[in-house]
Amino acid sequence: MPDLAGGAMPEDVRPEDRPPDARPPEDGPVVYRPRLLRLVATVASGSLVLLSFVGWFGLPAGLRAQFLPSQIVTLLLILAFIVGFMWALAASYVRADATGLKFRNGLRTHSIAWADIHKILLRPGDAWALVLIRPDDGPMESELDAEKRHVLGIQAGDGQPAIAAVEDLRRRLAASRAH
């Protein structure tokens, strides 16, 4: 496959490292996940668990002995809830295939056919991508008629990978309309 300068590209170059116009068309399923959010959730939950145990064992033994088992269980459940909440958000993803989008925001999963999608947005200042869905009850007269779904799997904080993911989803949406 030629590169932009007209020479041959080495076979060991990964597809994502090739210039956009030298990449093969990608029509198979693809999954996007928030990179920065996963890193923050890992560091924050690990730090919180570590600090909780350091704090617990840093207490004098006599003070730790005054805690009832139910109080200890309650503290552990609060810790588990906080870590679980962070990981529920970090587990968000977007999967695009020939049928449409499937994405998870926290604990809730959405499936939307390409025909039902009006537009995919990631505007300056947005924290994550947004999907505008055509209304079921009639024609769409303006974008205000669209139902909005936040897509936490594509976070603006990820920078260029997030922009590239939205551009890929827009290409797939346009390709689905062409068929």
N, C-alpha and C. Protein backbone atom coordinates (compact mmCIF):
# COMPACT_ATOMS: atom_id res chain seq x y z
N MET A 1 0.85 -1.17 0.00
CA MET A 1 0.00 0.00 0.00
C MET A 1 0.90 1.23 0.00
N PRO A 2 0.70 2.18 -0.91
CA PRO A 2 1.57 3.35 -0.95
C PRO A 2 1.25 4.32 0.16
N ASP A 3 2.29 5.04 0.60
CA ASP A 3 2.06 6.09 1.59
C ASP A 3 1.82 7.41 0.85
N LEU A 4 1.72 8.51 1.58
CA LEU A 4 1.42 9.80 0.96
C LEU A 4 2.53 10.26 0.03
N ALA A 5 3.77 9.85 0.27
CA ALA A 5 4.88 10.26 -0.58
C ALA A 5 5.03 9.36 -1.79
N GLY A 6 4.24 8.31 -1.89
CA GLY A 6 4.29 7.43 -3.04
C GLY A 6 5.12 6.18 -2.84
N GLY A 7 5.82 6.03 -1.73
CA GLY A 7 6.63 4.86 -1.46
C GLY A 7 5.80 3.74 -0.86
N ALA A 8 6.42 2.60 -0.68
CA ALA A 8 5.71 1.47 -0.09
C ALA A 8 5.73 1.60 1.42
N MET A 9 4.62 1.20 2.05
CA MET A 9 4.54 1.22 3.51
C MET A 9 4.99 -0.12 4.04
N PRO A 10 5.80 -0.14 5.09
CA PRO A 10 6.21 -1.42 5.67
C PRO A 10 5.00 -2.18 6.21
N GLU A 11 5.06 -3.50 6.14
CA GLU A 11 3.94 -4.33 6.57
C GLU A 11 3.75 -4.32 8.08
N ASP A 12 4.78 -3.95 8.86
CA ASP A 12 4.66 -3.99 10.31
C ASP A 12 4.05 -2.72 10.88
N VAL A 13 3.62 -1.78 10.05
CA VAL A 13 2.96 -0.56 10.52
C VAL A 13 1.52 -0.90 10.88
N ARG A 14 1.14 -0.52 12.09
CA ARG A 14 -0.23 -0.78 12.53
C ARG A 14 -1.20 0.06 11.72
N PRO A 15 -2.43 -0.42 11.47
CA PRO A 15 -3.40 0.34 10.68
C PRO A 15 -3.69 1.72 11.26
N GLU A 16 -3.74 1.86 12.59
CA GLU A 16 -4.06 3.15 13.18
C GLU A 16 -2.92 4.16 13.05
N ASP A 17 -1.70 3.66 12.71
CA ASP A 17 -0.56 4.56 12.53
C ASP A 17 -0.44 5.04 11.09
N ARG A 18 -1.24 4.48 10.20
CA ARG A 18 -1.21 4.90 8.80
C ARG A 18 -1.97 6.21 8.63
N PRO A 19 -1.60 6.99 7.63
CA PRO A 19 -2.37 8.20 7.36
C PRO A 19 -3.82 7.83 7.06
N PRO A 20 -4.80 8.70 7.40
CA PRO A 20 -6.21 8.35 7.22
C PRO A 20 -6.57 7.89 5.82
N ASP A 21 -6.00 8.51 4.77
CA ASP A 21 -6.38 8.11 3.42
C ASP A 21 -5.65 6.84 2.97
N ALA A 22 -4.71 6.30 3.76
CA ALA A 22 -4.01 5.07 3.42
C ALA A 22 -4.56 3.89 4.20
N ARG A 23 -5.55 4.13 5.06
CA ARG A 23 -6.13 3.05 5.85
C ARG A 23 -7.20 2.32 5.03
N PRO A 24 -7.31 1.01 5.23
CA PRO A 24 -8.39 0.30 4.55
C PRO A 24 -9.73 0.72 5.13
N PRO A 25 -10.80 0.66 4.34
CA PRO A 25 -12.11 1.02 4.90
C PRO A 25 -12.48 0.07 6.02
N GLU A 26 -12.98 0.62 7.10
CA GLU A 26 -13.33 -0.17 8.27
C GLU A 26 -14.85 -0.22 8.39
N ASP A 27 -15.42 -1.36 8.00
CA ASP A 27 -16.87 -1.48 8.10
C ASP A 27 -17.28 -2.52 9.13
N GLY A 28 -16.31 -3.14 9.75
CA GLY A 28 -16.60 -4.12 10.78
C GLY A 28 -16.92 -3.44 12.10
N PRO A 29 -17.33 -4.22 13.09
CA PRO A 29 -17.65 -3.65 14.39
C PRO A 29 -16.42 -2.99 15.03
N VAL A 30 -16.68 -1.93 15.78
CA VAL A 30 -15.62 -1.23 16.48
C VAL A 30 -16.16 -0.82 17.85
N VAL A 31 -15.28 -0.81 18.85
CA VAL A 31 -15.67 -0.44 20.22
C VAL A 31 -14.76 0.69 20.67
N TYR A 32 -15.38 1.73 21.24
CA TYR A 32 -14.63 2.85 21.81
C TYR A 32 -14.89 2.90 23.30
N ARG A 33 -13.84 3.16 24.07
CA ARG A 33 -13.93 3.26 25.52
C ARG A 33 -13.20 4.52 25.98
N PRO A 34 -13.66 5.12 27.08
CA PRO A 34 -12.99 6.34 27.56
C PRO A 34 -11.65 6.02 28.20
N ARG A 35 -10.59 6.54 27.65
CA ARG A 35 -9.24 6.24 28.16
C ARG A 35 -8.94 6.97 29.46
N LEU A 36 -9.12 8.28 29.46
CA LEU A 36 -8.78 9.09 30.63
C LEU A 36 -9.67 8.73 31.82
N LEU A 37 -10.95 8.52 31.58
CA LEU A 37 -11.86 8.16 32.67
C LEU A 37 -11.47 6.83 33.30
N ARG A 38 -11.04 5.88 32.50
CA ARG A 38 -10.60 4.59 33.04
C ARG A 38 -9.34 4.74 33.88
N LEU A 39 -8.43 5.59 33.42
CA LEU A 39 -7.21 5.84 34.18
C LEU A 39 -7.53 6.53 35.51
N VAL A 40 -8.39 7.53 35.47
CA VAL A 40 -8.78 8.25 36.69
C VAL A 40 -9.48 7.30 37.65
N ALA A 41 -10.39 6.46 37.14
CA ALA A 41 -11.10 5.52 38.01
C ALA A 41 -10.13 4.53 38.66
N THR A 42 -9.15 4.07 37.89
CA THR A 42 -8.16 3.13 38.44
C THR A 42 -7.35 3.78 39.55
N VAL A 43 -6.81 4.96 39.27
CA VAL A 43 -5.97 5.65 40.26
C VAL A 43 -6.80 6.06 41.48
N ALA A 44 -7.98 6.63 41.24
CA ALA A 44 -8.80 7.11 42.36
C ALA A 44 -9.30 5.96 43.23
N SER A 45 -9.78 4.89 42.62
CA SER A 45 -10.30 3.78 43.44
C SER A 45 -9.14 3.07 44.16
N GLY A 46 -8.01 2.89 43.49
CA GLY A 46 -6.86 2.28 44.17
C GLY A 46 -6.38 3.13 45.33
N SER A 47 -6.31 4.44 45.11
CA SER A 47 -5.88 5.35 46.18
C SER A 47 -6.86 5.35 47.33
N LEU A 48 -8.15 5.35 47.02
CA LEU A 48 -9.16 5.37 48.07
C LEU A 48 -9.11 4.10 48.92
N VAL A 49 -8.96 2.96 48.26
CA VAL A 49 -8.88 1.70 49.01
C VAL A 49 -7.60 1.67 49.86
N LEU A 50 -6.48 2.07 49.26
CA LEU A 50 -5.21 2.08 49.99
C LEU A 50 -5.27 3.03 51.19
N LEU A 51 -5.78 4.24 50.98
CA LEU A 51 -5.86 5.20 52.07
C LEU A 51 -6.84 4.75 53.16
N SER A 52 -7.89 4.06 52.76
CA SER A 52 -8.84 3.54 53.76
C SER A 52 -8.18 2.52 54.67
N PHE A 53 -7.42 1.61 54.07
CA PHE A 53 -6.75 0.59 54.88
C PHE A 53 -5.61 1.19 55.71
N VAL A 54 -4.88 2.12 55.12
CA VAL A 54 -3.81 2.78 55.89
C VAL A 54 -4.41 3.54 57.06
N GLY A 55 -5.54 4.23 56.79
CA GLY A 55 -6.21 4.96 57.86
C GLY A 55 -6.74 4.03 58.94
N TRP A 56 -7.29 2.89 58.53
CA TRP A 56 -7.84 1.93 59.49
C TRP A 56 -6.72 1.37 60.39
N PHE A 57 -5.66 0.93 59.76
CA PHE A 57 -4.58 0.33 60.55
C PHE A 57 -3.70 1.38 61.22
N GLY A 58 -3.88 2.64 60.84
CA GLY A 58 -3.18 3.73 61.52
C GLY A 58 -3.85 4.13 62.82
N LEU A 59 -5.09 3.71 63.00
CA LEU A 59 -5.79 3.98 64.26
C LEU A 59 -5.19 3.13 65.37
N PRO A 60 -5.19 3.63 66.57
CA PRO A 60 -4.72 2.80 67.69
C PRO A 60 -5.61 1.56 67.84
N ALA A 61 -5.01 0.46 68.24
CA ALA A 61 -5.74 -0.81 68.38
C ALA A 61 -6.94 -0.67 69.31
N GLY A 62 -6.81 0.12 70.36
CA GLY A 62 -7.92 0.30 71.30
C GLY A 62 -9.11 1.00 70.64
N LEU A 63 -8.84 1.94 69.75
CA LEU A 63 -9.91 2.64 69.05
C LEU A 63 -10.56 1.73 68.01
N ARG A 64 -9.76 0.93 67.29
CA ARG A 64 -10.32 -0.01 66.31
C ARG A 64 -11.21 -1.04 67.01
N ALA A 65 -10.86 -1.42 68.23
CA ALA A 65 -11.63 -2.42 68.97
C ALA A 65 -13.00 -1.90 69.37
N GLN A 66 -13.19 -0.59 69.39
CA GLN A 66 -14.48 -0.01 69.77
C GLN A 66 -15.50 -0.06 68.63
N PHE A 67 -15.05 -0.33 67.41
CA PHE A 67 -15.98 -0.42 66.28
C PHE A 67 -16.73 -1.73 66.35
N LEU A 68 -18.03 -1.68 66.16
CA LEU A 68 -18.86 -2.88 66.09
C LEU A 68 -18.71 -3.51 64.70
N PRO A 69 -18.91 -4.82 64.60
CA PRO A 69 -18.83 -5.45 63.27
C PRO A 69 -19.79 -4.81 62.26
N SER A 70 -20.96 -4.42 62.69
CA SER A 70 -21.91 -3.78 61.76
C SER A 70 -21.38 -2.44 61.26
N GLN A 71 -20.65 -1.71 62.08
CA GLN A 71 -20.07 -0.44 61.66
C GLN A 71 -18.95 -0.66 60.65
N ILE A 72 -18.16 -1.69 60.87
CA ILE A 72 -17.08 -2.02 59.93
C ILE A 72 -17.67 -2.43 58.58
N VAL A 73 -18.70 -3.26 58.62
CA VAL A 73 -19.37 -3.68 57.38
C VAL A 73 -19.96 -2.47 56.66
N THR A 74 -20.55 -1.55 57.40
CA THR A 74 -21.11 -0.34 56.80
C THR A 74 -20.03 0.49 56.12
N LEU A 75 -18.90 0.67 56.77
CA LEU A 75 -17.79 1.41 56.17
C LEU A 75 -17.28 0.72 54.91
N LEU A 76 -17.17 -0.60 54.94
CA LEU A 76 -16.72 -1.35 53.76
C LEU A 76 -17.74 -1.26 52.62
N LEU A 77 -19.02 -1.28 52.95
CA LEU A 77 -20.05 -1.14 51.92
C LEU A 77 -20.02 0.26 51.28
N ILE A 78 -19.77 1.28 52.08
CA ILE A 78 -19.65 2.64 51.54
C ILE A 78 -18.45 2.72 50.60
N LEU A 79 -17.34 2.14 51.02
CA LEU A 79 -16.15 2.11 50.17
C LEU A 79 -16.44 1.35 48.88
N ALA A 80 -17.10 0.20 48.97
CA ALA A 80 -17.43 -0.59 47.78
C ALA A 80 -18.38 0.17 46.85
N PHE A 81 -19.33 0.90 47.42
CA PHE A 81 -20.26 1.68 46.61
C PHE A 81 -19.53 2.77 45.82
N ILE A 82 -18.63 3.48 46.49
CA ILE A 82 -17.89 4.56 45.82
C ILE A 82 -17.02 4.00 44.70
N VAL A 83 -16.28 2.93 44.99
CA VAL A 83 -15.43 2.31 43.96
C VAL A 83 -16.30 1.73 42.84
N GLY A 84 -17.40 1.09 43.18
CA GLY A 84 -18.31 0.54 42.17
C GLY A 84 -18.90 1.61 41.27
N PHE A 85 -19.25 2.75 41.84
CA PHE A 85 -19.79 3.86 41.06
C PHE A 85 -18.75 4.37 40.07
N MET A 86 -17.50 4.53 40.53
CA MET A 86 -16.44 4.98 39.62
C MET A 86 -16.24 3.99 38.48
N TRP A 87 -16.26 2.70 38.79
CA TRP A 87 -16.04 1.70 37.76
C TRP A 87 -17.23 1.51 36.85
N ALA A 88 -18.43 1.77 37.35
CA ALA A 88 -19.60 1.72 36.47
C ALA A 88 -19.50 2.79 35.39
N LEU A 89 -19.04 3.97 35.77
CA LEU A 89 -18.85 5.04 34.78
C LEU A 89 -17.68 4.72 33.86
N ALA A 90 -16.60 4.20 34.41
CA ALA A 90 -15.41 3.88 33.60
C ALA A 90 -15.67 2.72 32.65
N ALA A 91 -16.66 1.90 32.91
CA ALA A 91 -16.97 0.77 32.05
C ALA A 91 -17.85 1.17 30.87
N SER A 92 -18.12 2.44 30.71
CA SER A 92 -18.91 2.91 29.57
C SER A 92 -18.19 2.59 28.27
N TYR A 93 -18.97 2.33 27.23
CA TYR A 93 -18.39 2.03 25.93
C TYR A 93 -19.38 2.38 24.83
N VAL A 94 -18.87 2.40 23.60
CA VAL A 94 -19.70 2.58 22.41
C VAL A 94 -19.30 1.48 21.45
N ARG A 95 -20.26 0.76 20.92
CA ARG A 95 -20.00 -0.28 19.91
C ARG A 95 -20.80 0.06 18.67
N ALA A 96 -20.11 0.18 17.56
CA ALA A 96 -20.76 0.46 16.28
C ALA A 96 -20.59 -0.75 15.38
N ASP A 97 -21.68 -1.17 14.75
CA ASP A 97 -21.61 -2.25 13.77
C ASP A 97 -22.56 -1.92 12.63
N ALA A 98 -22.85 -2.87 11.80
CA ALA A 98 -23.69 -2.63 10.63
C ALA A 98 -25.13 -2.26 11.00
N THR A 99 -25.58 -2.67 12.17
CA THR A 99 -26.97 -2.41 12.56
C THR A 99 -27.16 -1.06 13.23
N GLY A 100 -26.13 -0.53 13.88
CA GLY A 100 -26.26 0.74 14.57
C GLY A 100 -25.29 0.86 15.73
N LEU A 101 -25.71 1.62 16.72
CA LEU A 101 -24.89 1.86 17.91
C LEU A 101 -25.46 1.11 19.10
N LYS A 102 -24.56 0.59 19.90
CA LYS A 102 -24.91 0.05 21.21
C LYS A 102 -23.92 0.69 22.16
N PHE A 103 -24.45 1.33 23.21
CA PHE A 103 -23.53 1.97 24.15
C PHE A 103 -24.06 1.84 25.56
N ARG A 104 -23.09 1.79 26.49
CA ARG A 104 -23.42 1.69 27.91
C ARG A 104 -22.94 2.96 28.59
N ASN A 105 -23.84 3.56 29.33
CA ASN A 105 -23.56 4.72 30.18
C ASN A 105 -23.76 4.27 31.61
N GLY A 106 -22.69 3.99 32.30
CA GLY A 106 -22.83 3.51 33.67
C GLY A 106 -23.43 2.11 33.66
N LEU A 107 -24.61 1.97 34.20
CA LEU A 107 -25.27 0.67 34.28
C LEU A 107 -26.33 0.47 33.21
N ARG A 108 -26.63 1.51 32.44
CA ARG A 108 -27.71 1.44 31.45
C ARG A 108 -27.14 1.29 30.04
N THR A 109 -27.72 0.37 29.28
CA THR A 109 -27.28 0.10 27.91
C THR A 109 -28.37 0.55 26.93
N HIS A 110 -27.94 1.18 25.85
CA HIS A 110 -28.84 1.66 24.81
C HIS A 110 -28.45 1.03 23.48
N SER A 111 -29.43 0.68 22.66
CA SER A 111 -29.20 0.21 21.30
C SER A 111 -30.03 1.08 20.38
N ILE A 112 -29.37 1.65 19.36
CA ILE A 112 -30.06 2.54 18.44
C ILE A 112 -29.67 2.16 17.02
N ALA A 113 -30.66 1.93 16.17
CA ALA A 113 -30.41 1.61 14.76
C ALA A 113 -29.92 2.87 14.04
N TRP A 114 -29.11 2.68 13.00
CA TRP A 114 -28.60 3.82 12.25
C TRP A 114 -29.73 4.67 11.70
N ALA A 115 -30.82 4.05 11.28
CA ALA A 115 -31.95 4.79 10.69
C ALA A 115 -32.60 5.74 11.70
N ASP A 116 -32.46 5.45 12.98
CA ASP A 116 -33.07 6.29 14.01
C ASP A 116 -32.18 7.44 14.46
N ILE A 117 -30.93 7.45 14.03
CA ILE A 117 -29.99 8.48 14.45
C ILE A 117 -30.03 9.66 13.49
N HIS A 118 -30.22 10.84 14.03
CA HIS A 118 -30.20 12.05 13.23
C HIS A 118 -28.78 12.59 13.09
N LYS A 119 -28.06 12.67 14.20
CA LYS A 119 -26.73 13.27 14.19
C LYS A 119 -25.94 12.79 15.39
N ILE A 120 -24.61 12.80 15.25
CA ILE A 120 -23.69 12.49 16.35
C ILE A 120 -22.83 13.73 16.57
N LEU A 121 -22.82 14.23 17.80
CA LEU A 121 -22.15 15.49 18.10
C LEU A 121 -21.05 15.33 19.14
N LEU A 122 -20.02 16.14 19.00
CA LEU A 122 -19.02 16.37 20.04
C LEU A 122 -18.54 17.80 19.81
N ARG A 123 -19.25 18.74 20.42
CA ARG A 123 -18.98 20.16 20.20
C ARG A 123 -17.93 20.65 21.19
N PRO A 124 -17.27 21.75 20.85
CA PRO A 124 -16.33 22.34 21.81
C PRO A 124 -17.06 22.66 23.12
N GLY A 125 -16.48 22.26 24.21
CA GLY A 125 -17.10 22.48 25.51
C GLY A 125 -17.93 21.31 26.01
N ASP A 126 -18.28 20.36 25.13
CA ASP A 126 -19.02 19.17 25.57
C ASP A 126 -18.08 18.24 26.32
N ALA A 127 -18.59 17.61 27.36
CA ALA A 127 -17.79 16.67 28.13
C ALA A 127 -17.72 15.31 27.45
N TRP A 128 -18.75 14.95 26.70
CA TRP A 128 -18.80 13.67 26.01
C TRP A 128 -19.66 13.82 24.76
N ALA A 129 -19.66 12.78 23.95
CA ALA A 129 -20.43 12.80 22.70
C ALA A 129 -21.92 12.76 23.00
N LEU A 130 -22.69 13.12 21.99
CA LEU A 130 -24.14 13.18 22.11
C LEU A 130 -24.75 12.62 20.84
N VAL A 131 -25.77 11.79 20.98
CA VAL A 131 -26.48 11.24 19.83
C VAL A 131 -27.87 11.86 19.82
N LEU A 132 -28.25 12.42 18.68
CA LEU A 132 -29.59 12.96 18.50
C LEU A 132 -30.41 11.90 17.78
N ILE A 133 -31.54 11.52 18.37
CA ILE A 133 -32.38 10.45 17.86
C ILE A 133 -33.65 11.04 17.27
N ARG A 134 -34.03 10.56 16.09
CA ARG A 134 -35.25 11.03 15.43
C ARG A 134 -36.46 10.69 16.29
N PRO A 135 -37.46 11.58 16.35
CA PRO A 135 -38.65 11.29 17.15
C PRO A 135 -39.50 10.20 16.49
N ASP A 136 -40.18 9.41 17.33
CA ASP A 136 -41.05 8.34 16.83
C ASP A 136 -42.39 8.86 16.33
N ASP A 137 -42.80 10.02 16.83
CA ASP A 137 -44.16 10.50 16.58
C ASP A 137 -44.32 11.41 15.37
N GLY A 138 -43.36 11.47 14.49
CA GLY A 138 -43.52 12.29 13.30
C GLY A 138 -42.22 12.82 12.77
N PRO A 139 -42.32 13.71 11.79
CA PRO A 139 -41.11 14.25 11.18
C PRO A 139 -40.38 15.18 12.14
N MET A 140 -39.11 15.31 11.88
CA MET A 140 -38.27 16.18 12.71
C MET A 140 -38.18 17.54 12.04
N GLU A 141 -38.76 18.55 12.69
CA GLU A 141 -38.75 19.89 12.11
C GLU A 141 -37.50 20.67 12.49
N SER A 142 -36.95 20.39 13.65
CA SER A 142 -35.69 21.02 14.06
C SER A 142 -34.96 20.05 14.99
N GLU A 143 -33.70 20.37 15.26
CA GLU A 143 -32.93 19.49 16.14
C GLU A 143 -33.47 19.48 17.56
N LEU A 144 -34.29 20.47 17.90
CA LEU A 144 -34.90 20.49 19.23
C LEU A 144 -35.91 19.36 19.41
N ASP A 145 -36.42 18.81 18.28
CA ASP A 145 -37.37 17.70 18.34
C ASP A 145 -36.68 16.37 18.66
N ALA A 146 -35.37 16.32 18.50
CA ALA A 146 -34.64 15.06 18.67
C ALA A 146 -34.50 14.71 20.15
N GLU A 147 -34.55 13.42 20.40
CA GLU A 147 -34.25 12.91 21.74
C GLU A 147 -32.73 12.85 21.84
N LYS A 148 -32.19 13.25 22.97
CA LYS A 148 -30.74 13.31 23.14
C LYS A 148 -30.29 12.18 24.06
N ARG A 149 -29.21 11.52 23.66
CA ARG A 149 -28.59 10.50 24.50
C ARG A 149 -27.12 10.84 24.64
N HIS A 150 -26.67 10.94 25.86
CA HIS A 150 -25.26 11.17 26.12
C HIS A 150 -24.51 9.87 25.90
N VAL A 151 -23.31 9.96 25.36
CA VAL A 151 -22.50 8.79 25.07
C VAL A 151 -21.22 8.91 25.89
N LEU A 152 -21.24 8.34 27.09
CA LEU A 152 -20.11 8.46 28.00
C LEU A 152 -18.88 7.67 27.55
N GLY A 153 -19.04 6.80 26.58
CA GLY A 153 -17.91 6.03 26.08
C GLY A 153 -16.94 6.85 25.25
N ILE A 154 -17.36 8.04 24.82
CA ILE A 154 -16.48 8.94 24.07
C ILE A 154 -16.40 10.23 24.87
N GLN A 155 -15.30 10.40 25.58
CA GLN A 155 -15.08 11.55 26.46
C GLN A 155 -14.21 12.58 25.76
N ALA A 156 -14.63 13.84 25.79
CA ALA A 156 -13.85 14.91 25.16
C ALA A 156 -12.47 15.03 25.79
N GLY A 157 -12.33 14.67 27.04
CA GLY A 157 -11.05 14.74 27.73
C GLY A 157 -9.99 13.83 27.12
N ASP A 158 -10.41 12.85 26.30
CA ASP A 158 -9.46 11.98 25.63
C ASP A 158 -8.78 12.66 24.45
N GLY A 159 -9.28 13.83 24.07
CA GLY A 159 -8.64 14.60 23.01
C GLY A 159 -8.84 14.04 21.62
N GLN A 160 -7.76 13.90 20.87
CA GLN A 160 -7.83 13.48 19.47
C GLN A 160 -8.49 12.11 19.28
N PRO A 161 -8.25 11.11 20.14
CA PRO A 161 -8.97 9.84 19.96
C PRO A 161 -10.49 10.00 20.03
N ALA A 162 -10.99 10.89 20.86
CA ALA A 162 -12.43 11.12 20.94
C ALA A 162 -12.94 11.76 19.66
N ILE A 163 -12.21 12.72 19.14
CA ILE A 163 -12.60 13.38 17.88
C ILE A 163 -12.60 12.36 16.75
N ALA A 164 -11.57 11.52 16.70
CA ALA A 164 -11.48 10.49 15.67
C ALA A 164 -12.63 9.49 15.79
N ALA A 165 -13.01 9.14 17.01
CA ALA A 165 -14.12 8.20 17.22
C ALA A 165 -15.43 8.79 16.70
N VAL A 166 -15.68 10.06 17.00
CA VAL A 166 -16.91 10.71 16.52
C VAL A 166 -16.90 10.81 15.00
N GLU A 167 -15.76 11.14 14.42
CA GLU A 167 -15.67 11.21 12.95
C GLU A 167 -15.93 9.85 12.33
N ASP A 168 -15.41 8.78 12.95
CA ASP A 168 -15.66 7.43 12.46
C ASP A 168 -17.15 7.09 12.54
N LEU A 169 -17.79 7.44 13.67
CA LEU A 169 -19.22 7.17 13.80
C LEU A 169 -20.03 7.97 12.79
N ARG A 170 -19.62 9.19 12.52
CA ARG A 170 -20.31 9.99 11.50
C ARG A 170 -20.15 9.37 10.11
N ARG A 171 -18.96 8.86 9.80
CA ARG A 171 -18.75 8.18 8.50
C ARG A 171 -19.64 6.95 8.40
N ARG A 172 -19.74 6.20 9.49
CA ARG A 172 -20.60 5.01 9.48
C ARG A 172 -22.07 5.39 9.32
N LEU A 173 -22.47 6.48 9.97
CA LEU A 173 -23.85 6.94 9.83
C LEU A 173 -24.13 7.34 8.38
N ALA A 174 -23.21 8.09 7.78
CA ALA A 174 -23.38 8.50 6.37
C ALA A 174 -23.41 7.27 5.45
N ALA A 175 -22.56 6.29 5.71
CA ALA A 175 -22.52 5.07 4.90
C ALA A 175 -23.83 4.29 5.04
N SER A 176 -24.40 4.29 6.23
CA SER A 176 -25.67 3.56 6.42
C SER A 176 -26.80 4.23 5.65
N ARG A 177 -26.74 5.54 5.50
CA ARG A 177 -27.78 6.27 4.75
C ARG A 177 -27.61 6.09 3.25
N ALA A 178 -26.37 5.81 2.81
CA ALA A 178 -26.10 5.64 1.40
C ALA A 178 -26.63 4.29 0.87
N HIS A 179 -26.84 3.36 1.78
CA HIS A 179 -27.30 2.03 1.35
C HIS A 179 -28.78 1.98 1.20
